[in-house]
């Protein structure tokens, strides 16, 4: 799998803001995620295109795994917490 960024993938500056809030890092209880950045890029692709999960390009991982991880995280409130923290970080940094 290529690690190069594509036109619509999240850039390094944005990833640096998001990455500390991601679950699935070594040493966390939930287990280790294969590639958090690829997961975020896949979710962004779905949101941007409005396509169904089954149409997710394979470069973002198995559609079912990405969709399940998104549903599981959303139902536990991870997205709401991260969004709140990111907006606080953004205003604090003046971005």
PDB file of N, CA and C in Angstrom:
ATOM      1  N   UNK A   1       0.853  -1.188   0.000  1.00  0.00           N
ATOM      2  CA  UNK A   1       0.000   0.000   0.000  1.00  0.00           C
ATOM      3  C   UNK A   1       0.885   1.232   0.000  1.00  0.00           C
ATOM      4  N   UNK A   2       0.571   2.163  -0.857  1.00  0.00           N
ATOM      5  CA  UNK A   2       1.330   3.400  -0.975  1.00  0.00           C
ATOM      6  C   UNK A   2       0.994   4.341   0.183  1.00  0.00           C
ATOM      7  N   UNK A   3       2.009   5.010   0.730  1.00  0.00           N
ATOM      8  CA  UNK A   3       1.785   5.953   1.823  1.00  0.00           C
ATOM      9  C   UNK A   3       1.773   7.395   1.343  1.00  0.00           C
ATOM     10  N   UNK A   4       1.891   7.602   0.032  1.00  0.00           N
ATOM     11  CA  UNK A   4       1.895   8.968  -0.480  1.00  0.00           C
ATOM     12  C   UNK A   4       0.511   9.598  -0.341  1.00  0.00           C
ATOM     13  N   UNK A   5       0.496  10.910  -0.150  1.00  0.00           N
ATOM     14  CA  UNK A   5      -0.769  11.624  -0.028  1.00  0.00           C
ATOM     15  C   UNK A   5      -1.377  11.864  -1.397  1.00  0.00           C
ATOM     16  N   UNK A   6      -2.684  11.790  -1.444  1.00  0.00           N
ATOM     17  CA  UNK A   6      -3.419  12.107  -2.656  1.00  0.00           C
ATOM     18  C   UNK A   6      -4.072  13.467  -2.475  1.00  0.00           C
ATOM     19  N   UNK A   7      -4.589  14.006  -3.527  1.00  0.00           N
ATOM     20  CA  UNK A   7      -5.118  15.369  -3.541  1.00  0.00           C
ATOM     21  C   UNK A   7      -6.087  15.667  -2.397  1.00  0.00           C
ATOM     22  N   UNK A   8      -6.986  14.758  -2.091  1.00  0.00           N
ATOM     23  CA  UNK A   8      -8.009  15.022  -1.081  1.00  0.00           C
ATOM     24  C   UNK A   8      -7.672  14.458   0.304  1.00  0.00           C
ATOM     25  N   UNK A   9      -6.533  13.811   0.448  1.00  0.00           N
ATOM     26  CA  UNK A   9      -6.164  13.257   1.756  1.00  0.00           C
ATOM     27  C   UNK A   9      -5.796  14.370   2.727  1.00  0.00           C
ATOM     28  N   UNK A  10      -5.925  14.080   3.996  1.00  0.00           N
ATOM     29  CA  UNK A  10      -5.643  15.063   5.036  1.00  0.00           C
ATOM     30  C   UNK A  10      -4.156  15.431   5.004  1.00  0.00           C
ATOM     31  N   UNK A  11      -3.859  16.715   5.090  1.00  0.00           N
ATOM     32  CA  UNK A  11      -2.461  17.153   4.994  1.00  0.00           C
ATOM     33  C   UNK A  11      -1.748  16.975   6.342  1.00  0.00           C
ATOM     34  N   UNK A  12      -0.434  17.123   6.327  1.00  0.00           N
ATOM     35  CA  UNK A  12       0.371  16.882   7.520  1.00  0.00           C
ATOM     36  C   UNK A  12       0.026  17.829   8.672  1.00  0.00           C
ATOM     37  N   UNK A  13      -0.259  19.073   8.360  1.00  0.00           N
ATOM     38  CA  UNK A  13      -0.583  20.054   9.404  1.00  0.00           C
ATOM     39  C   UNK A  13      -1.889  19.677  10.118  1.00  0.00           C
ATOM     40  N   UNK A  14      -2.897  19.324   9.343  1.00  0.00           N
ATOM     41  CA  UNK A  14      -4.178  18.911   9.937  1.00  0.00           C
ATOM     42  C   UNK A  14      -4.032  17.606  10.693  1.00  0.00           C
ATOM     43  N   UNK A  15      -3.267  16.661  10.143  1.00  0.00           N
ATOM     44  CA  UNK A  15      -3.059  15.382  10.810  1.00  0.00           C
ATOM     45  C   UNK A  15      -2.362  15.576  12.159  1.00  0.00           C
ATOM     46  N   UNK A  16      -1.434  16.503  12.241  1.00  0.00           N
ATOM     47  CA  UNK A  16      -0.733  16.771  13.501  1.00  0.00           C
ATOM     48  C   UNK A  16      -1.710  17.218  14.591  1.00  0.00           C
ATOM     49  N   UNK A  17      -2.794  17.909  14.207  1.00  0.00           N
ATOM     50  CA  UNK A  17      -3.813  18.321  15.182  1.00  0.00           C
ATOM     51  C   UNK A  17      -4.713  17.164  15.608  1.00  0.00           C
ATOM     52  N   UNK A  18      -5.024  16.275  14.674  1.00  0.00           N
ATOM     53  CA  UNK A  18      -5.958  15.185  14.932  1.00  0.00           C
ATOM     54  C   UNK A  18      -5.291  13.992  15.601  1.00  0.00           C
ATOM     55  N   UNK A  19      -4.110  13.661  15.188  1.00  0.00           N
ATOM     56  CA  UNK A  19      -3.433  12.422  15.589  1.00  0.00           C
ATOM     57  C   UNK A  19      -3.382  12.168  17.094  1.00  0.00           C
ATOM     58  N   UNK A  20      -3.115  13.172  17.937  1.00  0.00           N
ATOM     59  CA  UNK A  20      -3.053  12.889  19.376  1.00  0.00           C
ATOM     60  C   UNK A  20      -4.381  12.401  19.974  1.00  0.00           C
ATOM     61  N   UNK A  21      -5.498  12.677  19.298  1.00  0.00           N
ATOM     62  CA  UNK A  21      -6.814  12.286  19.814  1.00  0.00           C
ATOM     63  C   UNK A  21      -7.286  10.933  19.293  1.00  0.00           C
ATOM     64  N   UNK A  22      -6.517  10.328  18.412  1.00  0.00           N
ATOM     65  CA  UNK A  22      -6.931   9.067  17.805  1.00  0.00           C
ATOM     66  C   UNK A  22      -6.780   7.904  18.780  1.00  0.00           C
ATOM     67  N   UNK A  23      -7.739   7.017  18.713  1.00  0.00           N
ATOM     68  CA  UNK A  23      -7.670   5.783  19.491  1.00  0.00           C
ATOM     69  C   UNK A  23      -6.891   4.744  18.706  1.00  0.00           C
ATOM     70  N   UNK A  24      -6.535   3.665  19.369  1.00  0.00           N
ATOM     71  CA  UNK A  24      -5.870   2.565  18.679  1.00  0.00           C
ATOM     72  C   UNK A  24      -4.363   2.664  18.656  1.00  0.00           C
ATOM     73  N   UNK A  25      -3.798   3.503  19.525  1.00  0.00           N
ATOM     74  CA  UNK A  25      -2.345   3.609  19.585  1.00  0.00           C
ATOM     75  C   UNK A  25      -1.801   2.537  20.530  1.00  0.00           C
ATOM     76  N   UNK A  26      -0.566   2.165  20.320  1.00  0.00           N
ATOM     77  CA  UNK A  26       0.081   1.167  21.164  1.00  0.00           C
ATOM     78  C   UNK A  26      -0.003   1.615  22.632  1.00  0.00           C
ATOM     79  N   UNK A  27      -0.409   0.688  23.499  1.00  0.00           N
ATOM     80  CA  UNK A  27      -0.519   0.990  24.916  1.00  0.00           C
ATOM     81  C   UNK A  27      -1.919   1.388  25.350  1.00  0.00           C
ATOM     82  N   UNK A  28      -2.838   1.546  24.410  1.00  0.00           N
ATOM     83  CA  UNK A  28      -4.219   1.863  24.760  1.00  0.00           C
ATOM     84  C   UNK A  28      -5.024   0.577  24.872  1.00  0.00           C
ATOM     85  N   UNK A  29      -6.106   0.650  25.621  1.00  0.00           N
ATOM     86  CA  UNK A  29      -6.905  -0.524  25.920  1.00  0.00           C
ATOM     87  C   UNK A  29      -7.612  -1.096  24.711  1.00  0.00           C
ATOM     88  N   UNK A  30      -8.084  -0.284  23.796  1.00  0.00           N
ATOM     89  CA  UNK A  30      -8.921  -0.742  22.690  1.00  0.00           C
ATOM     90  C   UNK A  30      -8.196  -1.584  21.652  1.00  0.00           C
ATOM     91  N   UNK A  31      -6.906  -1.688  21.698  1.00  0.00           N
ATOM     92  CA  UNK A  31      -6.162  -2.422  20.683  1.00  0.00           C
ATOM     93  C   UNK A  31      -5.492  -1.464  19.723  1.00  0.00           C
ATOM     94  N   UNK A  32      -4.698  -2.019  18.836  1.00  0.00           N
ATOM     95  CA  UNK A  32      -3.896  -1.201  17.938  1.00  0.00           C
ATOM     96  C   UNK A  32      -4.575  -1.097  16.582  1.00  0.00           C
ATOM     97  N   UNK A  33      -4.777   0.112  16.118  1.00  0.00           N
ATOM     98  CA  UNK A  33      -5.359   0.349  14.798  1.00  0.00           C
ATOM     99  C   UNK A  33      -4.270   0.182  13.750  1.00  0.00           C
ATOM    100  N   UNK A  34      -4.650  -0.336  12.603  1.00  0.00           N
ATOM    101  CA  UNK A  34      -3.667  -0.560  11.547  1.00  0.00           C
ATOM    102  C   UNK A  34      -3.087   0.748  11.024  1.00  0.00           C
ATOM    103  N   UNK A  35      -3.933   1.714  10.705  1.00  0.00           N
ATOM    104  CA  UNK A  35      -3.463   2.985  10.167  1.00  0.00           C
ATOM    105  C   UNK A  35      -4.544   4.046  10.389  1.00  0.00           C
ATOM    106  N   UNK A  36      -4.381   4.837  11.438  1.00  0.00           N
ATOM    107  CA  UNK A  36      -5.380   5.841  11.785  1.00  0.00           C
ATOM    108  C   UNK A  36      -5.565   6.895  10.697  1.00  0.00           C
ATOM    109  N   UNK A  37      -4.492   7.301  10.074  1.00  0.00           N
ATOM    110  CA  UNK A  37      -4.597   8.342   9.056  1.00  0.00           C
ATOM    111  C   UNK A  37      -5.372   7.840   7.837  1.00  0.00           C
ATOM    112  N   UNK A  38      -5.130   6.598   7.451  1.00  0.00           N
ATOM    113  CA  UNK A  38      -5.866   6.009   6.341  1.00  0.00           C
ATOM    114  C   UNK A  38      -7.353   5.921   6.679  1.00  0.00           C
ATOM    115  N   UNK A  39      -7.662   5.571   7.922  1.00  0.00           N
ATOM    116  CA  UNK A  39      -9.053   5.510   8.378  1.00  0.00           C
ATOM    117  C   UNK A  39      -9.722   6.884   8.251  1.00  0.00           C
ATOM    118  N   UNK A  40      -9.067   7.921   8.735  1.00  0.00           N
ATOM    119  CA  UNK A  40      -9.625   9.278   8.667  1.00  0.00           C
ATOM    120  C   UNK A  40      -9.815   9.697   7.205  1.00  0.00           C
ATOM    121  N   UNK A  41      -8.838   9.393   6.360  1.00  0.00           N
ATOM    122  CA  UNK A  41      -8.977   9.726   4.942  1.00  0.00           C
ATOM    123  C   UNK A  41     -10.159   8.993   4.314  1.00  0.00           C
ATOM    124  N   UNK A  42     -10.384   7.756   4.726  1.00  0.00           N
ATOM    125  CA  UNK A  42     -11.524   6.994   4.215  1.00  0.00           C
ATOM    126  C   UNK A  42     -12.853   7.592   4.651  1.00  0.00           C
ATOM    127  N   UNK A  43     -12.955   7.971   5.919  1.00  0.00           N
ATOM    128  CA  UNK A  43     -14.181   8.600   6.421  1.00  0.00           C
ATOM    129  C   UNK A  43     -14.417   9.930   5.703  1.00  0.00           C
ATOM    130  N   UNK A  44     -13.370  10.698   5.520  1.00  0.00           N
ATOM    131  CA  UNK A  44     -13.496  11.977   4.795  1.00  0.00           C
ATOM    132  C   UNK A  44     -13.943  11.746   3.359  1.00  0.00           C
ATOM    133  N   UNK A  45     -13.465  10.669   2.725  1.00  0.00           N
ATOM    134  CA  UNK A  45     -13.876  10.362   1.362  1.00  0.00           C
ATOM    135  C   UNK A  45     -15.380  10.088   1.318  1.00  0.00           C
ATOM    136  N   UNK A  46     -15.872   9.305   2.267  1.00  0.00           N
ATOM    137  CA  UNK A  46     -17.307   8.999   2.334  1.00  0.00           C
ATOM    138  C   UNK A  46     -18.107  10.285   2.541  1.00  0.00           C
ATOM    139  N   UNK A  47     -17.679  11.116   3.470  1.00  0.00           N
ATOM    140  CA  UNK A  47     -18.402  12.355   3.748  1.00  0.00           C
ATOM    141  C   UNK A  47     -18.373  13.316   2.560  1.00  0.00           C
ATOM    142  N   UNK A  48     -17.238  13.385   1.879  1.00  0.00           N
ATOM    143  CA  UNK A  48     -17.094  14.293   0.749  1.00  0.00           C
ATOM    144  C   UNK A  48     -17.919  13.850  -0.456  1.00  0.00           C
ATOM    145  N   UNK A  49     -17.933  12.537  -0.735  1.00  0.00           N
ATOM    146  CA  UNK A  49     -18.594  12.041  -1.940  1.00  0.00           C
ATOM    147  C   UNK A  49     -20.063  11.705  -1.723  1.00  0.00           C
ATOM    148  N   UNK A  50     -20.435  11.376  -0.495  1.00  0.00           N
ATOM    149  CA  UNK A  50     -21.805  10.944  -0.237  1.00  0.00           C
ATOM    150  C   UNK A  50     -22.058   9.523  -0.703  1.00  0.00           C
ATOM    151  N   UNK A  51     -21.006   8.797  -1.036  1.00  0.00           N
ATOM    152  CA  UNK A  51     -21.130   7.422  -1.513  1.00  0.00           C
ATOM    153  C   UNK A  51     -21.476   6.476  -0.358  1.00  0.00           C
ATOM    154  N   UNK A  52     -21.900   5.292  -0.702  1.00  0.00           N
ATOM    155  CA  UNK A  52     -22.158   4.285   0.331  1.00  0.00           C
ATOM    156  C   UNK A  52     -20.823   3.683   0.763  1.00  0.00           C
ATOM    157  N   UNK A  53     -20.825   3.080   1.945  1.00  0.00           N
ATOM    158  CA  UNK A  53     -19.595   2.477   2.464  1.00  0.00           C
ATOM    159  C   UNK A  53     -19.043   1.425   1.509  1.00  0.00           C
ATOM    160  N   UNK A  54     -19.921   0.679   0.855  1.00  0.00           N
ATOM    161  CA  UNK A  54     -19.464  -0.373  -0.063  1.00  0.00           C
ATOM    162  C   UNK A  54     -18.658   0.174  -1.239  1.00  0.00           C
ATOM    163  N   UNK A  55     -18.783   1.457  -1.521  1.00  0.00           N
ATOM    164  CA  UNK A  55     -18.054   2.072  -2.631  1.00  0.00           C
ATOM    165  C   UNK A  55     -16.706   2.671  -2.208  1.00  0.00           C
ATOM    166  N   UNK A  56     -16.352   2.512  -0.956  1.00  0.00           N
ATOM    167  CA  UNK A  56     -15.077   3.052  -0.466  1.00  0.00           C
ATOM    168  C   UNK A  56     -13.915   2.405  -1.213  1.00  0.00           C
ATOM    169  N   UNK A  57     -13.025   3.205  -1.815  1.00  0.00           N
ATOM    170  CA  UNK A  57     -11.868   2.624  -2.518  1.00  0.00           C
ATOM    171  C   UNK A  57     -10.999   1.793  -1.571  1.00  0.00           C
ATOM    172  N   UNK A  58     -10.469   0.718  -2.072  1.00  0.00           N
ATOM    173  CA  UNK A  58      -9.695  -0.232  -1.268  1.00  0.00           C
ATOM    174  C   UNK A  58      -8.453   0.413  -0.648  1.00  0.00           C
ATOM    175  N   UNK A  59      -7.959   1.517  -1.236  1.00  0.00           N
ATOM    176  CA  UNK A  59      -6.763   2.165  -0.664  1.00  0.00           C
ATOM    177  C   UNK A  59      -7.023   2.679   0.756  1.00  0.00           C
ATOM    178  N   UNK A  60      -8.314   2.820   1.132  1.00  0.00           N
ATOM    179  CA  UNK A  60      -8.666   3.257   2.482  1.00  0.00           C
ATOM    180  C   UNK A  60      -8.932   2.079   3.422  1.00  0.00           C
ATOM    181  N   UNK A  61      -8.776   0.882   2.934  1.00  0.00           N
ATOM    182  CA  UNK A  61      -8.994  -0.304   3.749  1.00  0.00           C
ATOM    183  C   UNK A  61     -10.292  -0.991   3.367  1.00  0.00           C
ATOM    184  N   UNK A  62     -10.572  -2.100   4.030  1.00  0.00           N
ATOM    185  CA  UNK A  62     -11.799  -2.840   3.792  1.00  0.00           C
ATOM    186  C   UNK A  62     -12.989  -1.991   4.208  1.00  0.00           C
ATOM    187  N   UNK A  63     -13.933  -1.793   3.299  1.00  0.00           N
ATOM    188  CA  UNK A  63     -15.059  -0.894   3.558  1.00  0.00           C
ATOM    189  C   UNK A  63     -15.814  -1.272   4.825  1.00  0.00           C
ATOM    190  N   UNK A  64     -15.996  -2.572   5.045  1.00  0.00           N
ATOM    191  CA  UNK A  64     -16.762  -3.017   6.196  1.00  0.00           C
ATOM    192  C   UNK A  64     -16.028  -2.711   7.508  1.00  0.00           C
ATOM    193  N   UNK A  65     -14.718  -2.882   7.514  1.00  0.00           N
ATOM    194  CA  UNK A  65     -13.928  -2.585   8.718  1.00  0.00           C
ATOM    195  C   UNK A  65     -13.941  -1.091   9.030  1.00  0.00           C
ATOM    196  N   UNK A  66     -13.786  -0.274   7.995  1.00  0.00           N
ATOM    197  CA  UNK A  66     -13.796   1.178   8.184  1.00  0.00           C
ATOM    198  C   UNK A  66     -15.173   1.633   8.667  1.00  0.00           C
ATOM    199  N   UNK A  67     -16.231   1.121   8.054  1.00  0.00           N
ATOM    200  CA  UNK A  67     -17.598   1.493   8.443  1.00  0.00           C
ATOM    201  C   UNK A  67     -17.892   1.065   9.877  1.00  0.00           C
ATOM    202  N   UNK A  68     -17.475  -0.145  10.241  1.00  0.00           N
ATOM    203  CA  UNK A  68     -17.719  -0.646  11.605  1.00  0.00           C
ATOM    204  C   UNK A  68     -16.971   0.202  12.627  1.00  0.00           C
ATOM    205  N   UNK A  69     -15.728   0.523  12.327  1.00  0.00           N
ATOM    206  CA  UNK A  69     -14.951   1.354  13.259  1.00  0.00           C
ATOM    207  C   UNK A  69     -15.600   2.732  13.409  1.00  0.00           C
ATOM    208  N   UNK A  70     -16.076   3.305  12.303  1.00  0.00           N
ATOM    209  CA  UNK A  70     -16.744   4.594  12.350  1.00  0.00           C
ATOM    210  C   UNK A  70     -18.018   4.507  13.199  1.00  0.00           C
ATOM    211  N   UNK A  71     -18.844   3.489  12.954  1.00  0.00           N
ATOM    212  CA  UNK A  71     -20.083   3.317  13.724  1.00  0.00           C
ATOM    213  C   UNK A  71     -19.794   3.105  15.203  1.00  0.00           C
ATOM    214  N   UNK A  72     -18.826   2.251  15.510  1.00  0.00           N
ATOM    215  CA  UNK A  72     -18.488   1.975  16.904  1.00  0.00           C
ATOM    216  C   UNK A  72     -18.009   3.228  17.618  1.00  0.00           C
ATOM    217  N   UNK A  73     -17.151   3.991  16.973  1.00  0.00           N
ATOM    218  CA  UNK A  73     -16.646   5.220  17.578  1.00  0.00           C
ATOM    219  C   UNK A  73     -17.719   6.273  17.731  1.00  0.00           C
ATOM    220  N   UNK A  74     -18.592   6.382  16.738  1.00  0.00           N
ATOM    221  CA  UNK A  74     -19.672   7.366  16.800  1.00  0.00           C
ATOM    222  C   UNK A  74     -20.651   7.040  17.906  1.00  0.00           C
ATOM    223  N   UNK A  75     -20.981   5.762  18.056  1.00  0.00           N
ATOM    224  CA  UNK A  75     -21.961   5.378  19.069  1.00  0.00           C
ATOM    225  C   UNK A  75     -21.427   5.560  20.483  1.00  0.00           C
ATOM    226  N   UNK A  76     -20.099   5.558  20.631  1.00  0.00           N
ATOM    227  CA  UNK A  76     -19.504   5.760  21.955  1.00  0.00           C
ATOM    228  C   UNK A  76     -19.164   7.226  22.208  1.00  0.00           C
ATOM    229  N   UNK A  77     -19.447   8.100  21.248  1.00  0.00           N
ATOM    230  CA  UNK A  77     -19.243   9.524  21.442  1.00  0.00           C
ATOM    231  C   UNK A  77     -17.840  10.021  21.167  1.00  0.00           C
ATOM    232  N   UNK A  78     -16.992   9.196  20.539  1.00  0.00           N
ATOM    233  CA  UNK A  78     -15.618   9.630  20.289  1.00  0.00           C
ATOM    234  C   UNK A  78     -15.549  10.838  19.372  1.00  0.00           C
ATOM    235  N   UNK A  79     -16.367  10.905  18.369  1.00  0.00           N
ATOM    236  CA  UNK A  79     -16.333  12.030  17.441  1.00  0.00           C
ATOM    237  C   UNK A  79     -16.685  13.340  18.113  1.00  0.00           C
ATOM    238  N   UNK A  80     -17.686  13.315  18.988  1.00  0.00           N
ATOM    239  CA  UNK A  80     -18.087  14.547  19.680  1.00  0.00           C
ATOM    240  C   UNK A  80     -16.972  15.045  20.583  1.00  0.00           C
ATOM    241  N   UNK A  81     -16.340  14.161  21.312  1.00  0.00           N
ATOM    242  CA  UNK A  81     -15.258  14.554  22.207  1.00  0.00           C
ATOM    243  C   UNK A  81     -14.087  15.120  21.414  1.00  0.00           C
ATOM    244  N   UNK A  82     -13.695  14.430  20.354  1.00  0.00           N
ATOM    245  CA  UNK A  82     -12.555  14.884  19.563  1.00  0.00           C
ATOM    246  C   UNK A  82     -12.835  16.220  18.901  1.00  0.00           C
ATOM    247  N   UNK A  83     -14.030  16.404  18.386  1.00  0.00           N
ATOM    248  CA  UNK A  83     -14.368  17.673  17.744  1.00  0.00           C
ATOM    249  C   UNK A  83     -14.285  18.822  18.730  1.00  0.00           C
ATOM    250  N   UNK A  84     -14.775  18.593  19.935  1.00  0.00           N
ATOM    251  CA  UNK A  84     -14.728  19.634  20.965  1.00  0.00           C
ATOM    252  C   UNK A  84     -13.277  19.969  21.294  1.00  0.00           C
ATOM    253  N   UNK A  85     -12.459  18.950  21.491  1.00  0.00           N
ATOM    254  CA  UNK A  85     -11.056  19.178  21.812  1.00  0.00           C
ATOM    255  C   UNK A  85     -10.325  19.873  20.670  1.00  0.00           C
ATOM    256  N   UNK A  86     -10.624  19.482  19.435  1.00  0.00           N
ATOM    257  CA  UNK A  86      -9.953  20.099  18.293  1.00  0.00           C
ATOM    258  C   UNK A  86     -10.329  21.563  18.142  1.00  0.00           C
ATOM    259  N   UNK A  87     -11.594  21.899  18.364  1.00  0.00           N
ATOM    260  CA  UNK A  87     -11.985  23.299  18.231  1.00  0.00           C
ATOM    261  C   UNK A  87     -11.346  24.149  19.327  1.00  0.00           C
ATOM    262  N   UNK A  88     -11.179  23.568  20.515  1.00  0.00           N
ATOM    263  CA  UNK A  88     -10.483  24.267  21.591  1.00  0.00           C
ATOM    264  C   UNK A  88      -9.016  24.478  21.224  1.00  0.00           C
ATOM    265  N   UNK A  89      -8.386  23.431  20.676  1.00  0.00           N
ATOM    266  CA  UNK A  89      -6.994  23.535  20.266  1.00  0.00           C
ATOM    267  C   UNK A  89      -6.840  24.567  19.165  1.00  0.00           C
ATOM    268  N   UNK A  90      -7.778  24.583  18.219  1.00  0.00           N
ATOM    269  CA  UNK A  90      -7.691  25.526  17.098  1.00  0.00           C
ATOM    270  C   UNK A  90      -7.774  26.967  17.582  1.00  0.00           C
ATOM    271  N   UNK A  91      -8.705  27.273  18.495  1.00  0.00           N
ATOM    272  CA  UNK A  91      -8.838  28.651  18.968  1.00  0.00           C
ATOM    273  C   UNK A  91      -7.673  29.038  19.851  1.00  0.00           C
ATOM    274  N   UNK A  92      -7.135  28.102  20.615  1.00  0.00           N
ATOM    275  CA  UNK A  92      -6.001  28.388  21.471  1.00  0.00           C
ATOM    276  C   UNK A  92      -4.761  28.705  20.644  1.00  0.00           C
ATOM    277  N   UNK A  93      -4.589  27.977  19.529  1.00  0.00           N
ATOM    278  CA  UNK A  93      -3.429  28.184  18.667  1.00  0.00           C
ATOM    279  C   UNK A  93      -3.612  29.332  17.693  1.00  0.00           C
ATOM    280  N   UNK A  94      -4.812  29.901  17.647  1.00  0.00           N
ATOM    281  CA  UNK A  94      -5.071  31.006  16.735  1.00  0.00           C
ATOM    282  C   UNK A  94      -5.268  30.591  15.297  1.00  0.00           C
ATOM    283  N   UNK A  95      -5.478  29.296  15.051  1.00  0.00           N
ATOM    284  CA  UNK A  95      -5.668  28.795  13.678  1.00  0.00           C
ATOM    285  C   UNK A  95      -7.092  28.947  13.242  1.00  0.00           C
TER     286      UNK A  95
END
